[in-house]
Every structure is written in C-alpha cells, then in structure tokens.
Amino acid sequence: MDDDTAAALGRAWRDDFPWQFLTRLTELGDRMGGSPGERRAAELVSDALCDVGADPDVEPFEMNRWTRGDAELAVRTERDGDPVERSFETIALPYSAAGDVTGPLVDVGYGTPDEIADAGDELAGGIAVASTDTPPEKGRFVHRMEKFGHAAAAGAKAFVFANHVPGQLPPTGSLRFDAEAAMPGVGVSTETGDWLTEYAAMGAEATVRVSATTERGESRNIVGTLGPDTDEEVVVVAHFDAHDIAEGAQDNGCGITTVLTAARLLAAMDLDCRVRLAGVGCEETGLMGAEALADSLDRLSVKAVVNVDGAGRARNLRAYAHGHDEVRAFAERVVEDAGQPLAVTETPHPYSDHWPFLRAGVPALQLHSQPPAGAERGRGWGHTHADTRDKVEVRDVREHAMLTALLVAELTREAAFERVDAERLAEQLREADAERGMRAAELWPDEWD
C-alpha cells in the first residue's frame, strides 16, 4: 500500500463527513423519485462531489412520477354468527393503480409461484394476501414484483403485501418499474397480516381502496469523474432516492454516503483509469436513473460497474458477483488483503442499479451488507417507517467506504475481466429459477427470447 493511500485510510477513521452527510440527507424527508426532496438530495450529492474535485454534471431524465394518496383496507366476515367488520392501517405500494375493489380474501402464504398456483380458481376475482418473507424451505427468495405479477396473472383484483418483521410496520415497494400496475396493491404490518390470514380462512370479504396518480415527471443523476482521462473507465453507482414513507437511512442513505466517503479517499489515491462516480435517482421506482446513465455511456468502455446498494447497513460487507467468477475472486482477494471478512453471493439478480450494465455485458460487483446472525431474512427496517438514521452505525459506513475505495482503486489497475455473455447470464438466471419471476415482473429482456 502506498503512503498516500495509507494516509487517506488513516484520516477516514476520524472523518465526520459520513454522519454529517447522512444527517442532512435524512433530514430532507420525502426523496421519492421525481419529488422536490429527491432534487434536494441530488444537490447534496453534487456538493459532495464538488468538494473532492470530481466536477459533477447534472443529467436530468424523464420518468413516470407516482404520487401517493390515501388507502383503505376493510374486512367483513362472521364469527359464531355475529358480524365482524374491521378496518386496518394500510399504505399503497408505488405504481399501484387507483381503484376501489371488493372480493374474497385469499391467503397465498409467501406468494411463491406454487402457492399462487395452488390457490387456483379461488384467487380469480379475489384479493391476494402474501407475506414479504420467503423462508429457506421455500427455496429462492421471491421478489415482491414477482408475487404481485403471479397474483395478477391468476386473476386477483387486488394485492396485499404483509410484512414479516413485527412492529406495526406496513411495508412499501414498487409493483412495477416506471409504469402503473394492473391493479391496486397495498402493504400491511405483520400484525395485520396475522388477522388477515385468520379472516381469509373464515371466508371473509375485503375491500381495498387506493387513491394515487401517475404522471410524467423528471428526475436527475449527478455524475462526476476522478483519475486520468482514459478511454477505459470504472463506473461506481449508488442511488440517493428513497421511499416517501421514511428517511431512507439504510436504503440507500448508507449506500450513497459510502460512495461519497469513498470518493474522498479515491481523490488521494493513484488511479490507473478514469473512475466515474454517479449518484442516481429513481432506483426504488424502476432503476430509471441507472438506465439513463447506462444509455449515456459507451458500455464497451466500462471495465466494470460497482453498484453500492446495501453497503454500510451492518458490520460486515457482502459482495454480489452476479455469476462472474473473476469478479468474485477479485473481491475476495482485495477484501482479504485488507484483513476484513467478506460474504459472497454469486447468483445474479435484476433488482438494483447494476442491471442495465450487467445485461449489456458489463461485469458487475454489488456491495451490500451481511445481516448479523439471527437477523430476519429480507429487508429488515427497509421500506418501512422505521428506516431511520438511528439504525445506522457510522463505523460500518466508514469501513465499507474504505473497502469500496480499495476495491475501486484496484479495479483501475486490474486486467480487464471477461465480458458477460448474454446467453450464459440467461442460463444462470434460469438455473436459479428466476426466469418465471422476471417474466411475471416484466423484467425478462425481450432479446433473450
């Protein structure tokens, strides 16, 4: 390790920037894609990149802005001949269609394809209730968009997403990417989900009402560069938008803070090629910022993309290698040389900002966090009212920023990785049983057919 890198890493231990930036970001409130709060977040990112000499540009793009109205969930049934009528707290899921629908309440368990298929004709015209969880015995994790897509294809009239993490926390999360969904969808707490499961078994009828609007809007990316002006480059991306119901401290306040803190280190390091640093908007509502960024670049000149989505949330780093053996081996070597642990997930997935690059052949490394032993599967506090600054340990952000900087700096010196082959990537996703879920979520690329 050269003296400049060692000195920069030493200063990072005492740097107040991560907590100061995260504080200002989470004070903004609503950072939903296309909102005034998201624009103010972009200004904070731009200021931070200016401070390290990255000379950032503002790159606006058009998108479909979804605006939340109110939502209601009511249940009617009988117990021992006496009527039961209840209303529950609920929130609309982004890109939910507006509507007022009534139908039988149908419990589809964890919302896996097999469970939804087992519901059969019962689900046609019904209101599906699915847990946010996918326990290990059910196999691979089934994404919210897949659960919704399969329920809609089975004829459901509305979708209820029940959190598996206790605490009266209705979850949010987009039902579609950048487009209005086919039917209303709402989130409820695990406590409400417990009641709904019981009422569904009793043959209850439910009404779901959502008011929301989808209209054309504008978001923006903030993009700067460090290092020499070379034809080849490493792209580092993190999203600064968040869902409108919380501060978005962990998702992805930690991630964008990690990148900006890493930028402060990279500015003092010897880099062998250009590093493009991008804070992007609209990840939560459809990866639109990453799509716009990828479209603006010559992807053949991108040596690799590092997507920092999930880093800084817990003590140890997790790397998603997205099916690329060289990327996995590289990440393991660099982090081991730094004397730190690293968990690795190899299976590719399309649900974050690396995806527009990965499907175009760019090797991708996503930096996330390894949940502590015994933690719930899934997002934890993410996508709920509880995703607040107090959940963040600033030392985790600092250490993940240091590792991010070391990984990116080493990437600039590394020989080019083999490009991602589209047929092999498609096969890896099929082997992981992801194809039917991606089709249900309308994410399977047309060119792969």
Protein backbone atom coordinates (compact mmCIF):
# COMPACT_ATOMS: atom_id res chain seq x y z
CA MET A 1 0.00 0.00 0.00
CA ASP A 2 1.47 3.38 -0.97
CA ASP A 3 1.88 6.20 1.54
CA ASP A 4 -0.94 8.36 0.09
CA THR A 5 -3.45 5.51 0.33
CA ALA A 6 -2.35 4.65 3.86
CA ALA A 7 -2.67 8.28 4.95
CA ALA A 8 -6.12 8.64 3.37
CA LEU A 9 -7.36 5.49 5.10
CA GLY A 10 -5.97 6.72 8.40
CA ARG A 11 -7.82 10.03 8.09
CA ALA A 12 -11.05 8.17 7.29
CA TRP A 13 -11.28 6.80 10.83
CA ARG A 14 -11.84 10.33 12.17
CA ASP A 15 -13.76 11.82 9.24
CA ASP A 16 -17.07 13.36 10.33
CA PHE A 17 -18.33 13.59 6.75
CA PRO A 18 -20.32 10.29 6.69
CA TRP A 19 -22.51 11.18 9.66
CA GLN A 20 -22.88 14.81 8.59
CA PHE A 21 -23.93 13.87 5.07
CA LEU A 22 -26.32 11.13 6.21
CA THR A 23 -27.86 13.58 8.68
CA ARG A 24 -28.51 16.20 6.03
CA LEU A 25 -29.87 13.58 3.63
CA THR A 26 -32.29 12.04 6.11
CA GLU A 27 -33.49 15.46 7.24
CA LEU A 28 -34.92 16.06 3.77
CA GLY A 29 -37.92 13.79 4.32
CA ASP A 30 -39.55 12.53 1.13
CA ARG A 31 -36.96 11.54 -1.53
CA MET A 32 -39.37 9.65 -3.80
CA GLY A 33 -38.40 9.61 -7.46
CA GLY A 34 -39.28 12.89 -9.17
CA SER A 35 -40.09 14.73 -5.91
CA PRO A 36 -38.65 18.05 -4.69
CA GLY A 37 -36.92 16.12 -1.89
CA GLU A 38 -35.14 13.90 -4.40
CA ARG A 39 -33.95 17.01 -6.22
CA ARG A 40 -32.56 18.45 -2.97
CA ALA A 41 -30.79 15.14 -2.36
CA ALA A 42 -29.20 15.44 -5.80
CA GLU A 43 -27.89 18.88 -4.82
CA LEU A 44 -26.26 17.42 -1.69
CA VAL A 45 -24.58 14.73 -3.81
CA SER A 46 -23.36 17.35 -6.28
CA ASP A 47 -21.87 19.47 -3.49
CA ALA A 48 -20.04 16.44 -2.05
CA LEU A 49 -18.55 15.53 -5.44
CA CYS A 50 -17.51 19.16 -6.00
CA ASP A 51 -15.64 19.06 -2.71
CA VAL A 52 -13.39 16.23 -3.96
CA GLY A 53 -12.77 17.80 -7.38
CA ALA A 54 -14.96 15.37 -9.32
CA ASP A 55 -16.52 18.24 -11.36
CA PRO A 56 -20.05 16.79 -11.39
CA ASP A 57 -22.67 17.25 -14.10
CA VAL A 58 -26.44 17.26 -13.62
CA GLU A 59 -28.05 14.79 -16.04
CA PRO A 60 -31.88 15.04 -16.00
CA PHE A 61 -34.16 12.32 -17.38
CA GLU A 62 -37.91 11.88 -17.76
CA MET A 63 -39.85 9.30 -15.79
CA ASN A 64 -43.34 8.44 -14.59
CA ARG A 65 -43.82 10.09 -11.22
CA TRP A 66 -46.18 8.23 -8.88
CA THR A 67 -47.79 10.27 -6.11
CA ARG A 68 -49.32 8.60 -3.08
CA GLY A 69 -52.85 9.40 -2.00
CA ASP A 70 -54.60 7.53 0.79
CA ALA A 71 -55.52 3.86 1.10
CA GLU A 72 -58.09 1.82 2.99
CA LEU A 73 -58.50 -1.87 3.81
CA ALA A 74 -61.72 -3.18 5.30
CA VAL A 75 -62.74 -6.76 6.14
CA ARG A 76 -66.20 -8.26 6.70
CA THR A 77 -66.94 -11.75 7.98
CA GLU A 78 -68.85 -13.59 10.71
CA ARG A 79 -67.67 -15.28 13.88
CA ASP A 80 -70.13 -17.64 15.59
CA GLY A 81 -72.97 -15.99 13.70
CA ASP A 82 -72.02 -12.46 14.75
CA PRO A 83 -70.83 -9.96 12.14
CA VAL A 84 -67.21 -8.82 12.22
CA GLU A 85 -66.33 -5.58 10.42
CA ARG A 86 -62.84 -4.14 10.75
CA SER A 87 -60.61 -1.58 9.11
CA PHE A 88 -56.81 -1.81 9.15
CA GLU A 89 -53.96 0.63 8.65
CA THR A 90 -52.53 0.22 5.18
CA ILE A 91 -50.43 2.10 2.62
CA ALA A 92 -50.47 1.96 -1.16
CA LEU A 93 -47.50 0.37 -2.93
CA PRO A 94 -45.78 2.57 -5.55
CA TYR A 95 -47.32 2.41 -9.02
CA SER A 96 -50.45 0.89 -7.51
CA ALA A 97 -53.42 1.61 -9.72
CA ALA A 98 -56.10 3.78 -8.16
CA GLY A 99 -59.28 1.84 -7.51
CA ASP A 100 -61.95 0.58 -5.16
CA VAL A 101 -62.37 -3.22 -5.31
CA THR A 102 -64.17 -5.82 -3.24
CA GLY A 103 -63.69 -9.57 -3.26
CA PRO A 104 -62.96 -12.65 -1.17
CA LEU A 105 -59.78 -12.51 0.90
CA VAL A 106 -57.36 -15.23 -0.24
CA ASP A 107 -54.24 -16.17 1.71
CA VAL A 108 -51.45 -17.20 -0.71
CA GLY A 109 -48.84 -17.74 2.02
CA TYR A 110 -45.44 -16.47 0.94
CA GLY A 111 -46.66 -15.73 -2.57
CA THR A 112 -44.41 -18.26 -4.26
CA PRO A 113 -45.46 -19.33 -7.76
CA ASP A 114 -46.51 -22.76 -6.48
CA GLU A 115 -48.62 -21.30 -3.65
CA ILE A 116 -50.38 -18.92 -6.01
CA ALA A 117 -50.98 -21.77 -8.46
CA ASP A 118 -52.39 -23.88 -5.62
CA ALA A 119 -54.94 -21.14 -4.89
CA GLY A 120 -56.38 -21.88 -8.32
CA ASP A 121 -59.81 -20.53 -9.19
CA GLU A 122 -60.25 -19.24 -5.64
CA LEU A 123 -57.94 -16.33 -6.46
CA ALA A 124 -59.86 -15.23 -9.58
CA GLY A 125 -61.73 -12.11 -8.51
CA GLY A 126 -60.18 -12.29 -5.04
CA ILE A 127 -57.79 -10.16 -3.01
CA ALA A 128 -54.44 -11.92 -2.55
CA VAL A 129 -52.55 -11.68 0.76
CA ALA A 130 -48.84 -12.56 0.57
CA SER A 131 -46.02 -12.32 3.11
CA THR A 132 -42.90 -10.28 2.44
CA ASP A 133 -40.85 -13.30 3.54
CA THR A 134 -39.63 -16.34 1.62
CA PRO A 135 -38.32 -18.84 4.18
CA PRO A 136 -35.41 -21.13 3.25
CA GLU A 137 -37.62 -24.20 2.90
CA LYS A 138 -39.42 -22.44 0.05
CA GLY A 139 -36.18 -22.14 -1.90
CA ARG A 140 -35.01 -18.94 -3.58
CA PHE A 141 -36.17 -15.52 -2.42
CA VAL A 142 -39.28 -14.42 -4.34
CA HIS A 143 -39.35 -10.69 -5.01
CA ARG A 144 -42.42 -8.55 -4.32
CA MET A 145 -42.87 -7.72 -8.01
CA GLU A 146 -42.95 -11.42 -8.86
CA LYS A 147 -45.56 -12.16 -6.19
CA PHE A 148 -47.71 -9.33 -7.50
CA GLY A 149 -47.29 -10.40 -11.13
CA HIS A 150 -48.27 -14.01 -10.46
CA ALA A 151 -51.31 -12.90 -8.42
CA ALA A 152 -52.45 -10.58 -11.21
CA ALA A 153 -51.98 -13.33 -13.81
CA ALA A 154 -54.11 -15.65 -11.66
CA GLY A 155 -56.99 -13.16 -11.82
CA ALA A 156 -56.69 -11.37 -8.48
CA LYS A 157 -58.37 -7.95 -8.25
CA ALA A 158 -56.01 -6.52 -5.60
CA PHE A 159 -52.81 -7.43 -3.74
CA VAL A 160 -51.99 -7.13 -0.03
CA PHE A 161 -48.31 -7.37 0.99
CA ALA A 162 -47.94 -8.33 4.68
CA ASN A 163 -44.65 -7.55 6.43
CA HIS A 164 -42.98 -10.46 8.25
CA VAL A 165 -40.99 -8.14 10.55
CA PRO A 166 -43.05 -7.22 13.65
CA GLY A 167 -43.57 -3.70 14.90
CA GLN A 168 -46.76 -2.37 13.24
CA LEU A 169 -44.76 -1.54 10.09
CA PRO A 170 -46.66 -1.64 6.79
CA PRO A 171 -44.07 -2.16 4.02
CA THR A 172 -43.80 -0.29 0.75
CA GLY A 173 -42.10 -1.17 -2.56
CA SER A 174 -42.83 -0.73 -6.24
CA LEU A 175 -45.19 -3.12 -8.03
CA ARG A 176 -43.85 -2.27 -11.47
CA PHE A 177 -40.90 -0.37 -12.91
CA ASP A 178 -41.80 3.10 -14.21
CA ALA A 179 -45.38 2.16 -15.12
CA GLU A 180 -48.77 1.94 -13.45
CA ALA A 181 -49.59 -1.55 -12.20
CA ALA A 182 -52.52 -3.65 -13.36
CA MET A 183 -54.46 -3.45 -10.08
CA PRO A 184 -54.37 -1.85 -6.63
CA GLY A 185 -51.70 -3.05 -4.20
CA VAL A 186 -51.20 -2.17 -0.54
CA GLY A 187 -48.87 -3.03 2.35
CA VAL A 188 -49.87 -4.02 5.88
CA SER A 189 -47.99 -4.86 9.08
CA THR A 190 -47.19 -8.38 10.21
CA GLU A 191 -49.74 -7.94 12.99
CA THR A 192 -52.45 -7.06 10.46
CA GLY A 193 -51.29 -9.91 8.25
CA ASP A 194 -51.91 -12.33 11.11
CA TRP A 195 -55.53 -11.17 11.33
CA LEU A 196 -55.97 -11.33 7.55
CA THR A 197 -54.74 -14.92 7.43
CA GLU A 198 -57.32 -15.89 10.04
CA TYR A 199 -60.11 -13.98 8.32
CA ALA A 200 -59.25 -15.48 4.94
CA ALA A 201 -59.68 -18.96 6.44
CA MET A 202 -63.12 -17.83 7.67
CA GLY A 203 -64.20 -16.86 4.14
CA ALA A 204 -64.00 -13.09 4.69
CA GLU A 205 -64.68 -10.45 2.07
CA ALA A 206 -62.36 -7.45 1.83
CA THR A 207 -62.39 -4.05 0.19
CA VAL A 208 -59.22 -2.29 -0.95
CA ARG A 209 -59.37 1.36 -1.94
CA VAL A 210 -56.39 3.31 -3.25
CA SER A 211 -56.09 6.88 -4.47
CA ALA A 212 -52.87 7.69 -6.35
CA THR A 213 -51.72 9.38 -9.53
CA THR A 214 -49.08 8.57 -12.15
CA GLU A 215 -47.92 11.39 -14.41
CA ARG A 216 -44.83 12.41 -16.35
CA GLY A 217 -42.07 13.91 -14.25
CA GLU A 218 -38.33 14.50 -14.13
CA SER A 219 -35.52 13.10 -12.04
CA ARG A 220 -31.76 13.51 -12.35
CA ASN A 221 -28.39 11.85 -11.98
CA ILE A 222 -25.28 13.55 -10.62
CA VAL A 223 -22.14 12.31 -12.37
CA GLY A 224 -18.51 13.24 -11.77
CA THR A 225 -15.10 11.74 -12.51
CA LEU A 226 -11.77 11.18 -10.76
CA GLY A 227 -8.45 9.91 -12.10
CA PRO A 228 -6.83 10.15 -15.52
CA ASP A 229 -8.85 10.87 -18.68
CA THR A 230 -8.66 7.40 -20.24
CA ASP A 231 -10.84 5.61 -22.76
CA GLU A 232 -11.50 2.83 -20.26
CA GLU A 233 -13.35 3.54 -17.01
CA VAL A 234 -14.80 2.02 -13.85
CA VAL A 235 -18.36 3.17 -13.02
CA VAL A 236 -19.40 3.47 -9.38
CA VAL A 237 -23.11 3.98 -8.79
CA ALA A 238 -25.41 4.43 -5.79
CA HIS A 239 -28.98 5.69 -5.63
CA PHE A 240 -29.97 8.62 -3.44
CA ASP A 241 -33.76 8.35 -3.79
CA ALA A 242 -35.88 6.62 -1.14
CA HIS A 243 -39.47 5.70 -0.47
CA ASP A 244 -41.66 8.53 0.72
CA ILE A 245 -42.78 6.94 3.99
CA ALA A 246 -39.40 7.09 5.79
CA GLU A 247 -36.00 8.73 5.99
CA GLY A 248 -34.35 6.11 3.79
CA ALA A 249 -31.33 5.97 6.09
CA GLN A 250 -30.33 2.39 5.34
CA ASP A 251 -31.90 2.17 1.88
CA ASN A 252 -29.96 3.76 0.40
CA GLY A 253 -28.71 6.61 2.55
CA CYS A 254 -25.90 4.34 3.74
CA GLY A 255 -25.04 3.38 0.17
CA ILE A 256 -24.75 6.88 -1.30
CA THR A 257 -22.86 8.02 1.82
CA THR A 258 -20.48 5.08 1.37
CA VAL A 259 -19.76 6.12 -2.23
CA LEU A 260 -19.22 9.79 -1.38
CA THR A 261 -16.95 8.88 1.53
CA ALA A 262 -15.05 6.51 -0.77
CA ALA A 263 -14.70 9.38 -3.26
CA ARG A 264 -12.86 11.38 -0.60
CA LEU A 265 -10.37 8.52 -0.36
CA LEU A 266 -10.10 7.89 -4.09
CA ALA A 267 -9.24 11.55 -4.66
CA ALA A 268 -5.99 10.89 -2.76
CA MET A 269 -5.20 7.55 -4.43
CA ASP A 270 -3.23 6.66 -7.54
CA LEU A 271 -5.79 5.53 -10.15
CA ASP A 272 -4.81 3.89 -13.44
CA CYS A 273 -8.02 4.75 -15.33
CA ARG A 274 -10.98 7.09 -15.04
CA VAL A 275 -13.48 6.45 -12.24
CA ARG A 276 -16.99 7.70 -12.97
CA LEU A 277 -18.94 8.38 -9.78
CA ALA A 278 -22.72 8.52 -10.20
CA GLY A 279 -25.46 9.30 -7.72
CA VAL A 280 -28.64 8.21 -9.46
CA GLY A 281 -32.33 8.79 -8.93
CA CYS A 282 -35.40 6.60 -9.23
CA GLU A 283 -33.89 3.25 -8.25
CA GLU A 284 -36.80 2.45 -5.98
CA THR A 285 -39.32 3.10 -8.72
CA GLY A 286 -37.63 1.27 -11.55
CA LEU A 287 -33.84 1.69 -11.95
CA MET A 288 -34.59 4.65 -14.25
CA GLY A 289 -31.53 6.64 -13.19
CA ALA A 290 -29.23 3.68 -13.84
CA GLU A 291 -30.94 3.07 -17.19
CA ALA A 292 -30.36 6.70 -18.18
CA LEU A 293 -26.74 6.53 -17.02
CA ALA A 294 -26.05 3.31 -18.93
CA ASP A 295 -27.67 4.75 -22.07
CA SER A 296 -25.44 7.85 -21.85
CA LEU A 297 -22.19 5.83 -21.83
CA ASP A 298 -20.28 3.63 -24.21
CA ARG A 299 -20.78 0.45 -22.22
CA LEU A 300 -17.96 -1.27 -24.11
CA SER A 301 -15.58 1.21 -22.48
CA VAL A 302 -16.84 0.36 -18.98
CA LYS A 303 -14.39 -2.06 -17.43
CA ALA A 304 -16.76 -2.88 -14.56
CA VAL A 305 -19.66 -1.36 -12.65
CA VAL A 306 -19.64 -1.21 -8.84
CA ASN A 307 -23.17 -0.82 -7.50
CA VAL A 308 -23.23 0.28 -3.86
CA ASP A 309 -26.75 -0.62 -2.80
CA GLY A 310 -26.93 -2.01 0.73
CA ALA A 311 -23.39 -1.31 1.94
CA GLY A 312 -22.97 0.36 5.32
CA ARG A 313 -26.07 -1.21 6.90
CA ALA A 314 -24.32 -3.86 9.00
CA ARG A 315 -20.87 -4.74 10.31
CA ASN A 316 -19.54 -6.95 7.51
CA LEU A 317 -19.53 -6.46 3.76
CA ARG A 318 -21.38 -8.69 1.30
CA ALA A 319 -20.47 -8.85 -2.40
CA TYR A 320 -22.80 -9.93 -5.17
CA ALA A 321 -20.63 -11.22 -8.03
CA HIS A 322 -23.62 -11.78 -10.35
CA GLY A 323 -22.38 -15.07 -11.72
CA HIS A 324 -18.90 -13.83 -12.68
CA ASP A 325 -16.05 -15.98 -11.31
CA GLU A 326 -13.36 -13.36 -11.95
CA VAL A 327 -15.36 -10.67 -10.12
CA ARG A 328 -15.88 -12.99 -7.15
CA ALA A 329 -12.19 -13.93 -6.93
CA PHE A 330 -11.15 -10.28 -7.28
CA ALA A 331 -13.44 -9.08 -4.48
CA GLU A 332 -12.35 -11.89 -2.15
CA ARG A 333 -8.67 -11.14 -2.76
CA VAL A 334 -8.87 -7.37 -2.19
CA VAL A 335 -11.00 -7.61 0.95
CA GLU A 336 -8.88 -10.44 2.38
CA ASP A 337 -5.74 -8.36 1.78
CA ALA A 338 -7.39 -5.63 3.85
CA GLY A 339 -7.86 -8.12 6.69
CA GLN A 340 -11.65 -7.96 6.56
CA PRO A 341 -14.36 -10.65 6.21
CA LEU A 342 -16.49 -10.86 3.07
CA ALA A 343 -19.66 -12.80 2.38
CA VAL A 344 -20.27 -13.56 -1.30
CA THR A 345 -23.45 -14.24 -3.24
CA GLU A 346 -22.83 -15.48 -6.76
CA THR A 347 -26.33 -15.73 -8.24
CA PRO A 348 -27.27 -12.77 -10.48
CA HIS A 349 -30.43 -10.73 -9.93
CA PRO A 350 -32.06 -7.79 -11.78
CA TYR A 351 -33.36 -5.73 -8.85
CA SER A 352 -30.77 -2.96 -8.48
CA ASP A 353 -28.75 -0.40 -10.43
CA HIS A 354 -26.16 -2.82 -11.82
CA TRP A 355 -28.81 -4.44 -14.02
CA PRO A 356 -28.75 -2.09 -17.07
CA PHE A 357 -24.99 -2.64 -17.24
CA LEU A 358 -24.95 -6.37 -16.47
CA ARG A 359 -27.48 -7.29 -19.16
CA ALA A 360 -25.36 -5.27 -21.63
CA GLY A 361 -22.28 -7.39 -20.84
CA VAL A 362 -20.53 -5.26 -18.21
CA PRO A 363 -19.04 -7.22 -15.27
CA ALA A 364 -20.85 -6.12 -12.12
CA LEU A 365 -19.98 -6.05 -8.42
CA GLN A 366 -22.72 -5.06 -5.97
CA LEU A 367 -21.68 -4.11 -2.45
CA HIS A 368 -24.23 -4.89 0.26
CA SER A 369 -24.10 -5.85 3.94
CA GLN A 370 -24.12 -9.24 5.60
CA PRO A 371 -27.00 -9.33 8.13
CA PRO A 372 -25.94 -10.27 11.66
CA ALA A 373 -26.56 -13.84 12.79
CA GLY A 374 -30.18 -14.43 13.68
CA ALA A 375 -31.49 -11.44 11.73
CA GLU A 376 -34.73 -11.76 9.78
CA ARG A 377 -34.49 -12.60 6.10
CA GLY A 378 -35.45 -9.80 3.79
CA ARG A 379 -35.17 -6.03 4.14
CA GLY A 380 -35.44 -5.65 7.91
CA TRP A 381 -36.25 -1.98 8.58
CA GLY A 382 -36.01 -1.11 4.89
CA HIS A 383 -39.10 0.06 3.01
CA THR A 384 -40.89 0.89 6.29
CA HIS A 385 -41.38 3.92 8.55
CA ALA A 386 -38.56 2.53 10.71
CA ASP A 387 -35.77 3.08 8.15
CA THR A 388 -34.35 5.95 10.17
CA ARG A 389 -30.93 7.36 10.96
CA ASP A 390 -30.76 5.82 14.45
CA LYS A 391 -30.45 2.37 12.82
CA VAL A 392 -27.08 3.32 11.29
CA GLU A 393 -23.67 2.69 12.87
CA VAL A 394 -21.33 5.27 11.35
CA ARG A 395 -18.28 3.00 11.81
CA ASP A 396 -19.90 0.49 9.43
CA VAL A 397 -20.31 3.20 6.79
CA ARG A 398 -16.69 4.33 7.26
CA GLU A 399 -15.28 0.80 6.98
CA HIS A 400 -17.40 -0.09 3.95
CA ALA A 401 -16.32 3.18 2.32
CA MET A 402 -12.68 2.27 2.91
CA LEU A 403 -13.20 -1.18 1.37
CA THR A 404 -15.13 0.35 -1.54
CA ALA A 405 -12.26 2.74 -2.24
CA LEU A 406 -9.71 -0.09 -2.12
CA LEU A 407 -11.83 -2.24 -4.46
CA VAL A 408 -12.37 0.59 -6.96
CA ALA A 409 -8.74 1.69 -6.95
CA GLU A 410 -7.61 -1.89 -7.52
CA LEU A 411 -10.17 -2.29 -10.31
CA THR A 412 -8.50 0.54 -12.20
CA ARG A 413 -5.25 -1.49 -12.15
CA GLU A 414 -6.78 -4.91 -12.78
CA ALA A 415 -6.63 -6.57 -16.20
CA ALA A 416 -9.98 -6.42 -17.99
CA PHE A 417 -12.48 -9.05 -16.90
CA GLU A 418 -14.19 -11.29 -19.40
CA ARG A 419 -17.38 -9.64 -20.65
CA VAL A 420 -20.72 -11.06 -19.53
CA ASP A 421 -22.21 -13.37 -22.15
CA ALA A 422 -25.97 -12.80 -22.53
CA GLU A 423 -26.72 -16.47 -23.18
CA ARG A 424 -24.73 -17.55 -20.13
CA LEU A 425 -26.39 -14.89 -17.96
CA ALA A 426 -29.83 -16.01 -19.09
CA GLU A 427 -28.89 -19.61 -18.33
CA GLN A 428 -27.66 -18.67 -14.84
CA LEU A 429 -30.97 -16.95 -14.13
CA ARG A 430 -32.87 -20.00 -15.39
CA GLU A 431 -30.75 -22.26 -13.19
CA ALA A 432 -31.70 -20.06 -10.23
CA ASP A 433 -35.38 -20.43 -11.16
CA ALA A 434 -35.57 -16.67 -11.72
CA GLU A 435 -36.93 -16.61 -15.27
CA ARG A 436 -40.61 -17.07 -14.49
CA GLY A 437 -40.40 -14.47 -11.74
CA MET A 438 -38.71 -11.96 -14.02
CA ARG A 439 -41.36 -12.62 -16.65
CA ALA A 440 -44.11 -12.09 -14.07
CA ALA A 441 -42.44 -8.79 -13.13
CA GLU A 442 -41.98 -7.92 -16.84
CA LEU A 443 -38.18 -7.78 -16.46
CA TRP A 444 -37.07 -10.61 -18.75
CA PRO A 445 -35.31 -8.93 -21.71
CA ASP A 446 -37.18 -9.33 -25.00
CA GLU A 447 -33.93 -10.01 -26.85
CA TRP A 448 -33.41 -13.17 -24.77
CA ASP A 449 -36.47 -14.69 -26.40
